[in-house]
Amino acid sequence: MAKKKTFGTEEGSEDNSDRRMAKVIVATETGNNKFGYKEAIVDEDDVQDFINENKD
């Protein structure tokens, strides 16, 4: 027998669904005064770590 469930309820939802994400864009110099951009979506708490790892 199937379970009765209504759509739009919070029942059985996962904990990671309410994580806050941030889009981070880091510029890198590729040479000859040209720049490339790296985009990533990371957790809000890990933004500073991501920026520090991808600095030139």
Protein backbone atom coordinates (compact mmCIF):
# COMPACT_ATOMS: atom_id res chain seq x y z
CA MET A 1 0.00 0.00 0.00
CA ALA A 2 1.40 3.42 -0.94
CA LYS A 3 2.05 6.15 1.59
CA LYS A 4 -0.10 9.22 1.45
CA LYS A 5 2.01 12.31 0.98
CA THR A 6 1.03 15.80 -0.07
CA PHE A 7 3.39 17.84 -2.19
CA GLY A 8 4.86 20.98 -0.70
CA THR A 9 5.15 19.67 2.84
CA GLU A 10 8.39 19.57 4.79
CA GLU A 11 7.91 15.95 5.81
CA GLY A 12 10.89 13.79 4.89
CA SER A 13 12.96 16.62 3.47
CA GLU A 14 16.72 16.44 3.73
CA ASP A 15 18.73 18.76 5.97
CA ASN A 16 20.96 19.97 3.13
CA SER A 17 18.07 21.56 1.24
CA ASP A 18 18.35 24.77 3.26
CA ARG A 19 22.08 25.31 2.66
CA ARG A 20 23.00 28.79 1.52
CA MET A 21 25.17 28.83 -1.58
CA ALA A 22 27.22 31.63 -3.12
CA LYS A 23 28.42 32.13 -6.68
CA VAL A 24 32.09 33.11 -6.71
CA ILE A 25 33.94 34.54 -9.71
CA VAL A 26 37.74 34.69 -9.55
CA ALA A 27 39.78 36.50 -12.22
CA THR A 28 43.12 35.07 -13.35
CA GLU A 29 45.66 36.65 -15.68
CA THR A 30 46.37 34.35 -18.63
CA GLY A 31 49.12 36.42 -20.28
CA ASN A 32 49.44 39.33 -22.72
CA ASN A 33 47.23 41.43 -20.42
CA LYS A 34 44.27 39.07 -20.89
CA PHE A 35 42.14 37.71 -18.09
CA GLY A 36 40.19 34.52 -17.64
CA TYR A 37 37.41 33.99 -15.15
CA LYS A 38 36.63 30.97 -13.02
CA GLU A 39 33.09 30.59 -11.73
CA ALA A 40 32.03 28.25 -8.95
CA ILE A 41 29.11 27.77 -6.61
CA VAL A 42 30.26 26.97 -3.08
CA ASP A 43 28.78 26.89 0.40
CA GLU A 44 28.45 30.30 2.00
CA ASP A 45 30.82 29.28 4.81
CA ASP A 46 33.58 28.21 2.38
CA VAL A 47 33.73 31.36 0.24
CA GLN A 48 36.84 32.88 1.82
CA ASP A 49 38.68 29.55 1.68
CA PHE A 50 37.85 29.17 -2.01
CA ILE A 51 39.04 32.71 -2.81
CA ASN A 52 42.31 32.22 -0.93
CA GLU A 53 43.02 28.93 -2.71
CA ASN A 54 42.46 30.45 -6.15
CA LYS A 55 44.41 33.69 -5.75
CA ASP A 56 47.46 34.29 -7.91
